Amino acid sequence: PAGTQSGRRIRLRGKGLPRPRGAQP
């Protein structure tokens, strides 16, 4: 987004590490 400051955290849901037994990553 316009006006983004250094250190802002932009989340990409479900793009991290997998969880056991098919839970949401």
mmCIF file of all heavy atoms, coordinates in Angstrom:
data_MODEL
# 
_entry.id   MODEL 
# 
loop_
_atom_site.group_PDB 
_atom_site.id 
_atom_site.type_symbol 
_atom_site.label_atom_id 
_atom_site.label_alt_id 
_atom_site.label_comp_id 
_atom_site.label_asym_id 
_atom_site.label_entity_id 
_atom_site.label_seq_id 
_atom_site.pdbx_PDB_ins_code 
_atom_site.Cartn_x 
_atom_site.Cartn_y 
_atom_site.Cartn_z 
_atom_site.occupancy 
_atom_site.B_iso_or_equiv 
_atom_site.pdbx_formal_charge 
_atom_site.auth_seq_id 
_atom_site.auth_comp_id 
_atom_site.auth_asym_id 
_atom_site.auth_atom_id 
_atom_site.pdbx_PDB_model_num 
ATOM 1   N N   . PRO A 1 1  ? 0.813  -1.213  0.000  1.00 0.00 ? 1  PRO A N   1 
ATOM 2   C CA  . PRO A 1 1  ? 0.000  0.000   0.000  1.00 0.00 ? 1  PRO A CA  1 
ATOM 3   C C   . PRO A 1 1  ? 0.853  1.273   0.000  1.00 0.00 ? 1  PRO A C   1 
ATOM 4   O O   . PRO A 1 1  ? 1.959  1.289   0.540  1.00 0.00 ? 1  PRO A O   1 
ATOM 5   C CB  . PRO A 1 1  ? -0.796 -0.090  1.305  1.00 0.00 ? 1  PRO A CB  1 
ATOM 6   C CG  . PRO A 1 1  ? -0.590 -1.464  1.831  1.00 0.00 ? 1  PRO A CG  1 
ATOM 7   C CD  . PRO A 1 1  ? 0.644  -2.001  1.207  1.00 0.00 ? 1  PRO A CD  1 
ATOM 8   N N   . ALA A 1 2  ? 0.317  2.333   -0.595 1.00 0.00 ? 2  ALA A N   1 
ATOM 9   C CA  . ALA A 1 2  ? 0.990  3.631   -0.562 1.00 0.00 ? 2  ALA A CA  1 
ATOM 10  C C   . ALA A 1 2  ? 1.167  4.072   0.894  1.00 0.00 ? 2  ALA A C   1 
ATOM 11  O O   . ALA A 1 2  ? 0.311  3.822   1.735  1.00 0.00 ? 2  ALA A O   1 
ATOM 12  C CB  . ALA A 1 2  ? 0.172  4.664   -1.333 1.00 0.00 ? 2  ALA A CB  1 
ATOM 13  N N   . GLY A 1 3  ? 2.287  4.697   1.179  1.00 0.00 ? 3  GLY A N   1 
ATOM 14  C CA  . GLY A 1 3  ? 2.552  5.176   2.528  1.00 0.00 ? 3  GLY A CA  1 
ATOM 15  C C   . GLY A 1 3  ? 3.090  4.106   3.467  1.00 0.00 ? 3  GLY A C   1 
ATOM 16  O O   . GLY A 1 3  ? 3.086  4.290   4.683  1.00 0.00 ? 3  GLY A O   1 
ATOM 17  N N   . THR A 1 4  ? 3.565  2.996   2.931  1.00 0.00 ? 4  THR A N   1 
ATOM 18  C CA  . THR A 1 4  ? 4.093  1.919   3.766  1.00 0.00 ? 4  THR A CA  1 
ATOM 19  C C   . THR A 1 4  ? 5.370  2.371   4.470  1.00 0.00 ? 4  THR A C   1 
ATOM 20  O O   . THR A 1 4  ? 6.250  2.959   3.856  1.00 0.00 ? 4  THR A O   1 
ATOM 21  C CB  . THR A 1 4  ? 4.369  0.669   2.907  1.00 0.00 ? 4  THR A CB  1 
ATOM 22  O OG1 . THR A 1 4  ? 3.112  0.141   2.486  1.00 0.00 ? 4  THR A OG1 1 
ATOM 23  C CG2 . THR A 1 4  ? 5.112  -0.397  3.683  1.00 0.00 ? 4  THR A CG2 1 
ATOM 24  N N   . GLN A 1 5  ? 5.441  2.093   5.764  1.00 0.00 ? 5  GLN A N   1 
ATOM 25  C CA  . GLN A 1 5  ? 6.613  2.437   6.564  1.00 0.00 ? 5  GLN A CA  1 
ATOM 26  C C   . GLN A 1 5  ? 7.537  1.227   6.676  1.00 0.00 ? 5  GLN A C   1 
ATOM 27  O O   . GLN A 1 5  ? 7.095  0.082   6.574  1.00 0.00 ? 5  GLN A O   1 
ATOM 28  C CB  . GLN A 1 5  ? 6.182  2.871   7.971  1.00 0.00 ? 5  GLN A CB  1 
ATOM 29  C CG  . GLN A 1 5  ? 5.247  4.061   7.996  1.00 0.00 ? 5  GLN A CG  1 
ATOM 30  C CD  . GLN A 1 5  ? 5.916  5.332   7.500  1.00 0.00 ? 5  GLN A CD  1 
ATOM 31  O OE1 . GLN A 1 5  ? 7.072  5.584   7.791  1.00 0.00 ? 5  GLN A OE1 1 
ATOM 32  N NE2 . GLN A 1 5  ? 5.180  6.119   6.733  1.00 0.00 ? 5  GLN A NE2 1 
ATOM 33  N N   . SER A 1 6  ? 8.802  1.478   6.936  1.00 0.00 ? 6  SER A N   1 
ATOM 34  C CA  . SER A 1 6  ? 9.755  0.404   7.164  1.00 0.00 ? 6  SER A CA  1 
ATOM 35  C C   . SER A 1 6  ? 9.339  -0.363  8.414  1.00 0.00 ? 6  SER A C   1 
ATOM 36  O O   . SER A 1 6  ? 8.959  0.235   9.417  1.00 0.00 ? 6  SER A O   1 
ATOM 37  C CB  . SER A 1 6  ? 11.155 0.991   7.350  1.00 0.00 ? 6  SER A CB  1 
ATOM 38  O OG  . SER A 1 6  ? 12.128 -0.008  7.265  1.00 0.00 ? 6  SER A OG  1 
ATOM 39  N N   . GLY A 1 7  ? 9.367  -1.689  8.346  1.00 0.00 ? 7  GLY A N   1 
ATOM 40  C CA  . GLY A 1 7  ? 8.979  -2.527  9.483  1.00 0.00 ? 7  GLY A CA  1 
ATOM 41  C C   . GLY A 1 7  ? 7.543  -3.026  9.422  1.00 0.00 ? 7  GLY A C   1 
ATOM 42  O O   . GLY A 1 7  ? 7.142  -3.834  10.256 1.00 0.00 ? 7  GLY A O   1 
ATOM 43  N N   . ARG A 1 8  ? 6.765  -2.566  8.459  1.00 0.00 ? 8  ARG A N   1 
ATOM 44  C CA  . ARG A 1 8  ? 5.385  -3.048  8.323  1.00 0.00 ? 8  ARG A CA  1 
ATOM 45  C C   . ARG A 1 8  ? 5.397  -4.535  7.982  1.00 0.00 ? 8  ARG A C   1 
ATOM 46  O O   . ARG A 1 8  ? 6.205  -4.996  7.191  1.00 0.00 ? 8  ARG A O   1 
ATOM 47  C CB  . ARG A 1 8  ? 4.660  -2.278  7.235  1.00 0.00 ? 8  ARG A CB  1 
ATOM 48  C CG  . ARG A 1 8  ? 3.222  -2.730  7.066  1.00 0.00 ? 8  ARG A CG  1 
ATOM 49  C CD  . ARG A 1 8  ? 2.498  -1.917  6.045  1.00 0.00 ? 8  ARG A CD  1 
ATOM 50  N NE  . ARG A 1 8  ? 1.098  -2.305  6.000  1.00 0.00 ? 8  ARG A NE  1 
ATOM 51  C CZ  . ARG A 1 8  ? 0.148  -1.550  5.510  1.00 0.00 ? 8  ARG A CZ  1 
ATOM 52  N NH1 . ARG A 1 8  ? 0.428  -0.369  5.010  1.00 0.00 ? 8  ARG A NH1 1 
ATOM 53  N NH2 . ARG A 1 8  ? -1.090 -1.975  5.494  1.00 0.00 ? 8  ARG A NH2 1 
ATOM 54  N N   . ARG A 1 9  ? 4.470  -5.271  8.575  1.00 0.00 ? 9  ARG A N   1 
ATOM 55  C CA  . ARG A 1 9  ? 4.355  -6.721  8.341  1.00 0.00 ? 9  ARG A CA  1 
ATOM 56  C C   . ARG A 1 9  ? 3.166  -6.972  7.412  1.00 0.00 ? 9  ARG A C   1 
ATOM 57  O O   . ARG A 1 9  ? 2.037  -6.686  7.777  1.00 0.00 ? 9  ARG A O   1 
ATOM 58  C CB  . ARG A 1 9  ? 4.165  -7.454  9.662  1.00 0.00 ? 9  ARG A CB  1 
ATOM 59  C CG  . ARG A 1 9  ? 5.381  -7.354  10.569 1.00 0.00 ? 9  ARG A CG  1 
ATOM 60  C CD  . ARG A 1 9  ? 5.089  -7.798  11.995 1.00 0.00 ? 9  ARG A CD  1 
ATOM 61  N NE  . ARG A 1 9  ? 4.503  -9.094  12.112 1.00 0.00 ? 9  ARG A NE  1 
ATOM 62  C CZ  . ARG A 1 9  ? 5.191  -10.225 12.301 1.00 0.00 ? 9  ARG A CZ  1 
ATOM 63  N NH1 . ARG A 1 9  ? 6.496  -10.186 12.396 1.00 0.00 ? 9  ARG A NH1 1 
ATOM 64  N NH2 . ARG A 1 9  ? 4.579  -11.379 12.402 1.00 0.00 ? 9  ARG A NH2 1 
ATOM 65  N N   . ILE A 1 10 ? 3.450  -7.500  6.240  1.00 0.00 ? 10 ILE A N   1 
ATOM 66  C CA  . ILE A 1 10 ? 2.401  -7.832  5.274  1.00 0.00 ? 10 ILE A CA  1 
ATOM 67  C C   . ILE A 1 10 ? 2.231  -9.350  5.304  1.00 0.00 ? 10 ILE A C   1 
ATOM 68  O O   . ILE A 1 10 ? 3.179  -10.090 5.059  1.00 0.00 ? 10 ILE A O   1 
ATOM 69  C CB  . ILE A 1 10 ? 2.769  -7.338  3.864  1.00 0.00 ? 10 ILE A CB  1 
ATOM 70  C CG1 . ILE A 1 10 ? 2.965  -5.818  3.879  1.00 0.00 ? 10 ILE A CG1 1 
ATOM 71  C CG2 . ILE A 1 10 ? 1.703  -7.762  2.860  1.00 0.00 ? 10 ILE A CG2 1 
ATOM 72  C CD1 . ILE A 1 10 ? 3.483  -5.249  2.576  1.00 0.00 ? 10 ILE A CD1 1 
ATOM 73  N N   . ARG A 1 11 ? 1.008  -9.794  5.637  1.00 0.00 ? 11 ARG A N   1 
ATOM 74  C CA  . ARG A 1 11 ? 0.767  -11.231 5.829  1.00 0.00 ? 11 ARG A CA  1 
ATOM 75  C C   . ARG A 1 11 ? 0.291  -11.907 4.551  1.00 0.00 ? 11 ARG A C   1 
ATOM 76  O O   . ARG A 1 11 ? -0.582 -11.414 3.863  1.00 0.00 ? 11 ARG A O   1 
ATOM 77  C CB  . ARG A 1 11 ? -0.277 -11.448 6.921  1.00 0.00 ? 11 ARG A CB  1 
ATOM 78  C CG  . ARG A 1 11 ? -0.546 -12.934 7.168  1.00 0.00 ? 11 ARG A CG  1 
ATOM 79  C CD  . ARG A 1 11 ? -1.366 -13.170 8.380  1.00 0.00 ? 11 ARG A CD  1 
ATOM 80  N NE  . ARG A 1 11 ? -2.725 -12.720 8.164  1.00 0.00 ? 11 ARG A NE  1 
ATOM 81  C CZ  . ARG A 1 11 ? -3.721 -12.926 9.013  1.00 0.00 ? 11 ARG A CZ  1 
ATOM 82  N NH1 . ARG A 1 11 ? -3.486 -13.539 10.158 1.00 0.00 ? 11 ARG A NH1 1 
ATOM 83  N NH2 . ARG A 1 11 ? -4.920 -12.505 8.747  1.00 0.00 ? 11 ARG A NH2 1 
ATOM 84  N N   . LEU A 1 12 ? 0.881  -13.060 4.289  1.00 0.00 ? 12 LEU A N   1 
ATOM 85  C CA  . LEU A 1 12 ? 0.417  -13.941 3.222  1.00 0.00 ? 12 LEU A CA  1 
ATOM 86  C C   . LEU A 1 12 ? -0.115 -15.189 3.917  1.00 0.00 ? 12 LEU A C   1 
ATOM 87  O O   . LEU A 1 12 ? 0.656  -16.050 4.359  1.00 0.00 ? 12 LEU A O   1 
ATOM 88  C CB  . LEU A 1 12 ? 1.556  -14.300 2.265  1.00 0.00 ? 12 LEU A CB  1 
ATOM 89  C CG  . LEU A 1 12 ? 1.990  -13.178 1.319  1.00 0.00 ? 12 LEU A CG  1 
ATOM 90  C CD1 . LEU A 1 12 ? 2.977  -12.262 1.996  1.00 0.00 ? 12 LEU A CD1 1 
ATOM 91  C CD2 . LEU A 1 12 ? 2.564  -13.760 0.062  1.00 0.00 ? 12 LEU A CD2 1 
ATOM 92  N N   . ARG A 1 13 ? -1.420 -15.253 4.057  1.00 0.00 ? 13 ARG A N   1 
ATOM 93  C CA  . ARG A 1 13 ? -2.069 -16.323 4.805  1.00 0.00 ? 13 ARG A CA  1 
ATOM 94  C C   . ARG A 1 13 ? -1.830 -17.698 4.161  1.00 0.00 ? 13 ARG A C   1 
ATOM 95  O O   . ARG A 1 13 ? -1.949 -17.853 2.953  1.00 0.00 ? 13 ARG A O   1 
ATOM 96  C CB  . ARG A 1 13 ? -3.558 -16.040 4.875  1.00 0.00 ? 13 ARG A CB  1 
ATOM 97  C CG  . ARG A 1 13 ? -4.301 -16.930 5.845  1.00 0.00 ? 13 ARG A CG  1 
ATOM 98  C CD  . ARG A 1 13 ? -5.725 -16.484 5.958  1.00 0.00 ? 13 ARG A CD  1 
ATOM 99  N NE  . ARG A 1 13 ? -5.735 -15.059 6.225  1.00 0.00 ? 13 ARG A NE  1 
ATOM 100 C CZ  . ARG A 1 13 ? -6.448 -14.470 7.160  1.00 0.00 ? 13 ARG A CZ  1 
ATOM 101 N NH1 . ARG A 1 13 ? -7.259 -15.171 7.898  1.00 0.00 ? 13 ARG A NH1 1 
ATOM 102 N NH2 . ARG A 1 13 ? -6.394 -13.176 7.345  1.00 0.00 ? 13 ARG A NH2 1 
ATOM 103 N N   . GLY A 1 14 ? -1.451 -18.666 5.001  1.00 0.00 ? 14 GLY A N   1 
ATOM 104 C CA  . GLY A 1 14 ? -1.296 -20.045 4.544  1.00 0.00 ? 14 GLY A CA  1 
ATOM 105 C C   . GLY A 1 14 ? -0.032 -20.318 3.749  1.00 0.00 ? 14 GLY A C   1 
ATOM 106 O O   . GLY A 1 14 ? 0.114  -21.389 3.176  1.00 0.00 ? 14 GLY A O   1 
ATOM 107 N N   . LYS A 1 15 ? 0.911  -19.369 3.712  1.00 0.00 ? 15 LYS A N   1 
ATOM 108 C CA  . LYS A 1 15 ? 2.139  -19.549 2.941  1.00 0.00 ? 15 LYS A CA  1 
ATOM 109 C C   . LYS A 1 15 ? 3.344  -19.868 3.836  1.00 0.00 ? 15 LYS A C   1 
ATOM 110 O O   . LYS A 1 15 ? 4.481  -19.808 3.403  1.00 0.00 ? 15 LYS A O   1 
ATOM 111 C CB  . LYS A 1 15 ? 2.448  -18.299 2.101  1.00 0.00 ? 15 LYS A CB  1 
ATOM 112 C CG  . LYS A 1 15 ? 1.394  -17.985 1.072  1.00 0.00 ? 15 LYS A CG  1 
ATOM 113 C CD  . LYS A 1 15 ? 1.268  -19.101 0.063  1.00 0.00 ? 15 LYS A CD  1 
ATOM 114 C CE  . LYS A 1 15 ? 0.250  -18.755 -1.011 1.00 0.00 ? 15 LYS A CE  1 
ATOM 115 N NZ  . LYS A 1 15 ? 0.057  -19.863 -1.938 1.00 0.00 ? 15 LYS A NZ  1 
ATOM 116 N N   . GLY A 1 16 ? 3.083  -20.237 5.101  1.00 0.00 ? 16 GLY A N   1 
ATOM 117 C CA  . GLY A 1 16 ? 4.156  -20.610 6.021  1.00 0.00 ? 16 GLY A CA  1 
ATOM 118 C C   . GLY A 1 16 ? 4.398  -22.106 5.989  1.00 0.00 ? 16 GLY A C   1 
ATOM 119 O O   . GLY A 1 16 ? 4.157  -22.774 4.987  1.00 0.00 ? 16 GLY A O   1 
ATOM 120 N N   . LEU A 1 17 ? 4.833  -22.645 7.113  1.00 0.00 ? 17 LEU A N   1 
ATOM 121 C CA  . LEU A 1 17 ? 5.140  -24.071 7.201  1.00 0.00 ? 17 LEU A CA  1 
ATOM 122 C C   . LEU A 1 17 ? 3.872  -24.895 7.403  1.00 0.00 ? 17 LEU A C   1 
ATOM 123 O O   . LEU A 1 17 ? 2.917  -24.433 8.037  1.00 0.00 ? 17 LEU A O   1 
ATOM 124 C CB  . LEU A 1 17 ? 6.101  -24.318 8.366  1.00 0.00 ? 17 LEU A CB  1 
ATOM 125 C CG  . LEU A 1 17 ? 7.482  -23.691 8.214  1.00 0.00 ? 17 LEU A CG  1 
ATOM 126 C CD1 . LEU A 1 17 ? 8.306  -23.935 9.472  1.00 0.00 ? 17 LEU A CD1 1 
ATOM 127 C CD2 . LEU A 1 17 ? 8.185  -24.232 6.988  1.00 0.00 ? 17 LEU A CD2 1 
ATOM 128 N N   . PRO A 1 18 ? 3.850  -26.113 6.877  1.00 0.00 ? 18 PRO A N   1 
ATOM 129 C CA  . PRO A 1 18 ? 2.679  -26.972 7.072  1.00 0.00 ? 18 PRO A CA  1 
ATOM 130 C C   . PRO A 1 18 ? 2.531  -27.374 8.531  1.00 0.00 ? 18 PRO A C   1 
ATOM 131 O O   . PRO A 1 18 ? 3.500  -27.413 9.284  1.00 0.00 ? 18 PRO A O   1 
ATOM 132 C CB  . PRO A 1 18 ? 2.971  -28.187 6.194  1.00 0.00 ? 18 PRO A CB  1 
ATOM 133 C CG  . PRO A 1 18 ? 4.425  -28.162 5.938  1.00 0.00 ? 18 PRO A CG  1 
ATOM 134 C CD  . PRO A 1 18 ? 4.898  -26.751 6.107  1.00 0.00 ? 18 PRO A CD  1 
ATOM 135 N N   . ARG A 1 19 ? 1.302  -27.658 8.902  1.00 0.00 ? 19 ARG A N   1 
ATOM 136 C CA  . ARG A 1 19 ? 1.010  -28.151 10.249 1.00 0.00 ? 19 ARG A CA  1 
ATOM 137 C C   . ARG A 1 19 ? 0.653  -29.629 10.140 1.00 0.00 ? 19 ARG A C   1 
ATOM 138 O O   . ARG A 1 19 ? 0.211  -30.090 9.097  1.00 0.00 ? 19 ARG A O   1 
ATOM 139 C CB  . ARG A 1 19 ? -0.158 -27.385 10.864 1.00 0.00 ? 19 ARG A CB  1 
ATOM 140 C CG  . ARG A 1 19 ? 0.150  -25.935 11.135 1.00 0.00 ? 19 ARG A CG  1 
ATOM 141 C CD  . ARG A 1 19 ? -1.051 -25.257 11.800 1.00 0.00 ? 19 ARG A CD  1 
ATOM 142 N NE  . ARG A 1 19 ? -0.902 -23.828 11.810 1.00 0.00 ? 19 ARG A NE  1 
ATOM 143 C CZ  . ARG A 1 19 ? -0.398 -23.151 12.827 1.00 0.00 ? 19 ARG A CZ  1 
ATOM 144 N NH1 . ARG A 1 19 ? 0.020  -23.778 13.906 1.00 0.00 ? 19 ARG A NH1 1 
ATOM 145 N NH2 . ARG A 1 19 ? -0.294 -21.839 12.765 1.00 0.00 ? 19 ARG A NH2 1 
ATOM 146 N N   . PRO A 1 20 ? 0.819  -30.366 11.230 1.00 0.00 ? 20 PRO A N   1 
ATOM 147 C CA  . PRO A 1 20 ? 0.494  -31.807 11.175 1.00 0.00 ? 20 PRO A CA  1 
ATOM 148 C C   . PRO A 1 20 ? -1.000 -32.057 10.966 1.00 0.00 ? 20 PRO A C   1 
ATOM 149 O O   . PRO A 1 20 ? -1.828 -31.222 11.287 1.00 0.00 ? 20 PRO A O   1 
ATOM 150 C CB  . PRO A 1 20 ? 0.963  -32.332 12.532 1.00 0.00 ? 20 PRO A CB  1 
ATOM 151 C CG  . PRO A 1 20 ? 1.211  -31.156 13.392 1.00 0.00 ? 20 PRO A CG  1 
ATOM 152 C CD  . PRO A 1 20 ? 1.339  -29.953 12.510 1.00 0.00 ? 20 PRO A CD  1 
ATOM 153 N N   . ARG A 1 21 ? -1.299 -33.215 10.423 1.00 0.00 ? 21 ARG A N   1 
ATOM 154 C CA  . ARG A 1 21 ? -2.664 -33.717 10.244 1.00 0.00 ? 21 ARG A CA  1 
ATOM 155 C C   . ARG A 1 21 ? -3.551 -32.777 9.415  1.00 0.00 ? 21 ARG A C   1 
ATOM 156 O O   . ARG A 1 21 ? -4.725 -32.614 9.687  1.00 0.00 ? 21 ARG A O   1 
ATOM 157 C CB  . ARG A 1 21 ? -3.302 -34.030 11.594 1.00 0.00 ? 21 ARG A CB  1 
ATOM 158 C CG  . ARG A 1 21 ? -2.597 -35.206 12.290 1.00 0.00 ? 21 ARG A CG  1 
ATOM 159 C CD  . ARG A 1 21 ? -3.141 -35.474 13.667 1.00 0.00 ? 21 ARG A CD  1 
ATOM 160 N NE  . ARG A 1 21 ? -2.656 -34.577 14.687 1.00 0.00 ? 21 ARG A NE  1 
ATOM 161 C CZ  . ARG A 1 21 ? -1.431 -34.551 15.205 1.00 0.00 ? 21 ARG A CZ  1 
ATOM 162 N NH1 . ARG A 1 21 ? -0.514 -35.362 14.747 1.00 0.00 ? 21 ARG A NH1 1 
ATOM 163 N NH2 . ARG A 1 21 ? -1.100 -33.698 16.151 1.00 0.00 ? 21 ARG A NH2 1 
ATOM 164 N N   . GLY A 1 22 ? -2.966 -32.133 8.414  1.00 0.00 ? 22 GLY A N   1 
ATOM 165 C CA  . GLY A 1 22 ? -3.763 -31.356 7.469  1.00 0.00 ? 22 GLY A CA  1 
ATOM 166 C C   . GLY A 1 22 ? -4.317 -30.048 7.979  1.00 0.00 ? 22 GLY A C   1 
ATOM 167 O O   . GLY A 1 22 ? -5.142 -29.435 7.316  1.00 0.00 ? 22 GLY A O   1 
ATOM 168 N N   . ALA A 1 23 ? -3.898 -29.578 9.140  1.00 0.00 ? 23 ALA A N   1 
ATOM 169 C CA  . ALA A 1 23 ? -4.368 -28.284 9.651  1.00 0.00 ? 23 ALA A CA  1 
ATOM 170 C C   . ALA A 1 23 ? -3.845 -27.159 8.747  1.00 0.00 ? 23 ALA A C   1 
ATOM 171 O O   . ALA A 1 23 ? -2.909 -27.335 7.981  1.00 0.00 ? 23 ALA A O   1 
ATOM 172 C CB  . ALA A 1 23 ? -3.892 -28.076 11.089 1.00 0.00 ? 23 ALA A CB  1 
ATOM 173 N N   . GLN A 1 24 ? -4.485 -25.998 8.850  1.00 0.00 ? 24 GLN A N   1 
ATOM 174 C CA  . GLN A 1 24 ? -4.105 -24.833 8.048  1.00 0.00 ? 24 GLN A CA  1 
ATOM 175 C C   . GLN A 1 24 ? -2.623 -24.507 8.256  1.00 0.00 ? 24 GLN A C   1 
ATOM 176 O O   . GLN A 1 24 ? -2.158 -24.410 9.381  1.00 0.00 ? 24 GLN A O   1 
ATOM 177 C CB  . GLN A 1 24 ? -4.974 -23.635 8.469  1.00 0.00 ? 24 GLN A CB  1 
ATOM 178 C CG  . GLN A 1 24 ? -4.608 -22.324 7.803  1.00 0.00 ? 24 GLN A CG  1 
ATOM 179 C CD  . GLN A 1 24 ? -5.003 -22.245 6.348  1.00 0.00 ? 24 GLN A CD  1 
ATOM 180 O OE1 . GLN A 1 24 ? -5.817 -23.020 5.872  1.00 0.00 ? 24 GLN A OE1 1 
ATOM 181 N NE2 . GLN A 1 24 ? -4.418 -21.313 5.632  1.00 0.00 ? 24 GLN A NE2 1 
ATOM 182 N N   . PRO A 1 25 ? -1.852 -24.342 7.161  1.00 0.00 ? 25 PRO A N   1 
ATOM 183 C CA  . PRO A 1 25 ? -0.434 -23.989 7.312  1.00 0.00 ? 25 PRO A CA  1 
ATOM 184 C C   . PRO A 1 25 ? -0.274 -22.629 7.993  1.00 0.00 ? 25 PRO A C   1 
ATOM 185 O O   . PRO A 1 25 ? -1.210 -21.827 8.042  1.00 0.00 ? 25 PRO A O   1 
ATOM 186 C CB  . PRO A 1 25 ? 0.080  -23.920 5.874  1.00 0.00 ? 25 PRO A CB  1 
ATOM 187 C CG  . PRO A 1 25 ? -0.950 -24.572 5.035  1.00 0.00 ? 25 PRO A CG  1 
ATOM 188 C CD  . PRO A 1 25 ? -2.241 -24.481 5.773  1.00 0.00 ? 25 PRO A CD  1 
# 
